[in-house]
Protein backbone atom coordinates (compact mmCIF):
# COMPACT_ATOMS: atom_id res chain seq x y z
CA UNK A 1 0.00 0.00 0.00
CA UNK A 2 1.22 3.47 -0.83
CA UNK A 3 0.99 4.96 2.64
CA UNK A 4 3.61 5.62 5.30
CA UNK A 5 2.00 4.72 8.62
CA UNK A 6 4.28 6.82 10.79
CA UNK A 7 2.14 8.66 13.28
CA UNK A 8 2.01 12.40 13.07
CA UNK A 9 3.43 14.05 16.17
CA UNK A 10 2.34 17.55 15.21
CA UNK A 11 -1.37 17.81 15.87
CA UNK A 12 -2.08 21.36 14.76
CA UNK A 13 -5.85 21.76 14.69
CA UNK A 14 -7.52 22.80 11.46
CA UNK A 15 -9.25 26.14 11.34
CA UNK A 16 -12.94 26.16 12.24
CA UNK A 17 -14.90 28.67 10.19
CA UNK A 18 -18.49 29.62 10.81
CA UNK A 19 -18.70 26.83 13.40
CA UNK A 20 -17.86 24.14 10.84
CA UNK A 21 -14.76 22.01 10.41
CA UNK A 22 -12.59 22.42 7.34
CA UNK A 23 -13.91 20.12 4.59
CA UNK A 24 -11.57 17.87 2.60
CA UNK A 25 -12.65 15.75 -0.36
CA UNK A 26 -10.48 12.69 -1.09
CA UNK A 27 -10.86 11.40 -4.66
CA UNK A 28 -9.11 8.05 -5.17
CA UNK A 29 -10.18 4.61 -6.40
CA UNK A 30 -8.19 2.70 -3.73
CA UNK A 31 -10.67 2.06 -0.87
CA UNK A 32 -7.95 1.08 1.63
CA UNK A 33 -6.15 4.38 1.08
CA UNK A 34 -9.30 6.53 1.13
CA UNK A 35 -10.45 4.95 4.39
CA UNK A 36 -7.01 5.44 5.97
CA UNK A 37 -6.90 9.06 4.83
CA UNK A 38 -10.43 9.61 6.12
CA UNK A 39 -9.44 8.18 9.51
CA UNK A 40 -6.18 10.13 9.79
CA UNK A 41 -7.62 13.44 8.60
CA UNK A 42 -10.77 13.07 10.72
CA UNK A 43 -8.57 12.60 13.77
CA UNK A 44 -6.92 15.89 12.83
CA UNK A 45 -10.35 17.53 13.04
CA UNK A 46 -11.18 17.75 9.33
CA UNK A 47 -14.58 16.81 7.89
CA UNK A 48 -13.67 14.25 5.20
CA UNK A 49 -15.74 13.00 2.28
CA UNK A 50 -14.59 10.31 -0.17
CA UNK A 51 -15.25 9.79 -3.89
CA UNK A 52 -14.04 6.73 -5.81
CA UNK A 53 -13.67 8.22 -9.28
CA UNK A 54 -13.46 11.54 -11.06
CA UNK A 55 -17.13 11.85 -11.95
CA UNK A 56 -18.26 11.14 -8.39
CA UNK A 57 -15.55 13.51 -7.17
CA UNK A 58 -16.79 16.28 -9.44
CA UNK A 59 -20.37 15.83 -8.20
CA UNK A 60 -19.32 15.81 -4.55
CA UNK A 61 -17.06 18.81 -5.07
CA UNK A 62 -19.94 20.79 -6.53
CA UNK A 63 -22.38 19.72 -3.79
CA UNK A 64 -20.19 19.91 -0.67
CA UNK A 65 -17.93 22.80 -1.71
CA UNK A 66 -14.80 21.45 0.03
CA UNK A 67 -12.00 23.64 1.34
CA UNK A 68 -9.38 21.33 -0.24
CA UNK A 69 -9.28 18.29 -2.53
CA UNK A 70 -6.80 15.40 -2.47
CA UNK A 71 -6.91 13.96 -5.99
CA UNK A 72 -5.47 10.81 -7.58
CA UNK A 73 -4.76 10.73 -11.32
CA UNK A 74 -5.23 7.12 -12.41
CA UNK A 75 -8.88 6.21 -11.85
CA UNK A 76 -11.46 4.41 -13.98
CA UNK A 77 -13.85 6.52 -16.03
CA UNK A 78 -12.95 10.16 -15.59
CA UNK A 79 -9.32 10.40 -14.48
CA UNK A 80 -7.96 12.95 -12.04
CA UNK A 81 -6.57 15.31 -14.68
CA UNK A 82 -9.93 15.52 -16.46
CA UNK A 83 -11.72 16.03 -13.14
CA UNK A 84 -9.26 18.79 -12.26
CA UNK A 85 -9.82 20.59 -15.56
CA UNK A 86 -13.60 20.45 -15.13
CA UNK A 87 -13.40 21.43 -11.46
CA UNK A 88 -11.39 24.53 -12.34
CA UNK A 89 -14.33 25.70 -14.47
CA UNK A 90 -16.24 26.54 -11.29
CA UNK A 91 -13.83 26.61 -8.35
CA UNK A 92 -10.41 27.81 -7.27
CA UNK A 93 -10.30 25.65 -4.11
CA UNK A 94 -6.81 24.19 -3.50
CA UNK A 95 -6.17 20.79 -5.10
CA UNK A 96 -3.31 18.57 -4.00
CA UNK A 97 -2.53 15.77 -6.44
CA UNK A 98 -1.82 12.61 -4.43
CA UNK A 99 -0.79 9.95 -6.90
CA UNK A 100 1.61 7.17 -7.75
CA UNK A 101 2.44 8.86 -11.07
CA UNK A 102 5.77 10.54 -10.40
CA UNK A 103 6.92 11.30 -13.94
CA UNK A 104 7.90 14.94 -14.40
CA UNK A 105 5.77 15.56 -17.55
CA UNK A 106 2.65 14.31 -15.71
CA UNK A 107 3.44 16.47 -12.67
CA UNK A 108 3.83 19.49 -14.96
CA UNK A 109 0.54 18.70 -16.71
CA UNK A 110 -1.26 18.47 -13.35
CA UNK A 111 0.20 21.75 -12.15
CA UNK A 112 -0.60 23.43 -15.48
CA UNK A 113 -4.21 22.23 -15.28
CA UNK A 114 -4.60 23.90 -11.91
CA UNK A 115 -3.22 21.64 -9.18
CA UNK A 116 -1.72 23.61 -6.31
CA UNK A 117 0.66 20.91 -5.09
CA UNK A 118 1.74 17.40 -6.03
CA UNK A 119 2.72 14.53 -3.71
CA UNK A 120 3.69 11.08 -4.95
CA UNK A 121 2.76 7.80 -3.28
CA UNK A 122 4.10 6.41 -1.04
CA UNK A 123 4.00 9.53 1.10
CA UNK A 124 4.78 10.58 4.64
CA UNK A 125 1.70 11.50 6.71
CA UNK A 126 3.46 14.38 8.46
CA UNK A 127 4.54 15.89 5.15
CA UNK A 128 1.02 15.48 3.72
CA UNK A 129 -0.47 17.18 6.80
CA UNK A 130 2.04 20.04 6.50
CA UNK A 131 1.21 20.52 2.82
CA UNK A 132 -2.53 20.49 3.58
CA UNK A 133 -2.09 23.12 6.30
CA UNK A 134 0.06 25.27 3.98
CA UNK A 135 -2.50 25.14 1.15
CA UNK A 136 -5.37 25.94 3.52
CA UNK A 137 -3.39 28.80 5.06
CA UNK A 138 -2.66 30.33 1.64
CA UNK A 139 -6.28 29.87 0.56
CA UNK A 140 -7.49 31.63 3.71
CA UNK A 141 -5.12 34.55 3.10
CA UNK A 142 -6.27 34.97 -0.48
CA UNK A 143 -9.97 34.36 0.19
CA UNK A 144 -12.10 37.22 -1.03
CA UNK A 145 -14.26 39.19 1.33
CA UNK A 146 -17.76 37.82 1.74
CA UNK A 147 -19.70 38.93 -1.28
CA UNK A 148 -23.19 40.21 -0.61
CA UNK A 149 -26.20 38.64 -2.25
CA UNK A 150 -26.83 40.26 -5.61
CA UNK A 151 -30.44 41.01 -6.46
CA UNK A 152 -32.52 42.90 -8.98
CA UNK A 153 -36.21 43.69 -9.49
CA UNK A 154 -36.76 44.10 -5.74
CA UNK A 155 -35.29 40.67 -5.02
CA UNK A 156 -37.16 38.77 -7.72
CA UNK A 157 -33.78 37.51 -8.97
CA UNK A 158 -31.19 36.82 -6.25
CA UNK A 159 -27.67 35.44 -6.63
CA UNK A 160 -25.77 34.26 -3.55
CA UNK A 161 -22.09 33.92 -4.59
CA UNK A 162 -21.05 32.36 -1.26
CA UNK A 163 -23.64 29.57 -1.44
CA UNK A 164 -23.51 29.44 -5.27
CA UNK A 165 -27.29 29.62 -5.36
CA UNK A 166 -29.73 31.46 -7.60
CA UNK A 167 -33.37 32.11 -6.79
CA UNK A 168 -36.07 33.49 -9.06
CA UNK A 169 -39.27 34.59 -7.39
CA UNK A 170 -38.12 32.82 -4.22
CA UNK A 171 -37.62 29.45 -5.98
CA UNK A 172 -34.15 27.86 -6.04
CA UNK A 173 -32.88 27.39 -9.60
CA UNK A 174 -30.47 24.55 -10.43
CA UNK A 175 -27.76 25.78 -12.77
CA UNK A 176 -24.75 24.05 -14.26
CA UNK A 177 -21.36 25.52 -13.28
CA UNK A 178 -21.07 27.13 -16.72
CA UNK A 179 -24.55 28.67 -16.53
CA UNK A 180 -23.74 30.03 -13.07
CA UNK A 181 -20.47 31.59 -14.27
CA UNK A 182 -22.25 33.17 -17.25
CA UNK A 183 -24.93 34.62 -14.98
CA UNK A 184 -22.28 36.18 -12.71
CA UNK A 185 -20.41 37.56 -15.71
């Protein structure tokens, strides 16, 4: 298994925002690894969700709006690089590639498609935790101020950028990521 079981001795707590734990989405098709990561990261205080392929990962990323994604490359169906490219269409949340593919051209492709960091398996848990904390810290520093709800026609049309929700006449409208981006444009 591609996992270094050395216990982490630095137990820095993740930031709690708005009363909720920091959310991490793990997208990998290896159930043993995803369950280990879920256990280790949950013990660190993170709220962890798991997806087993790129398509499921994309759906969960859109629904749960994670604070960080750990993403494998080689998965059945939609691979990690394709998921990353599609994810970047609607989010700038940090993505850490966590994969057995250590070839330089693949690393460069991942970083060029929008990955924020790249760790190859097997990995050290302490290093992974440090990289997660660093990405979350940078994301928090660059996070935009809370954007107010945009509305027109006395609130008939309302756009909530934080929740990524649109209502028309008080009814929630389901939009694709592209439709949402076009509406904000």
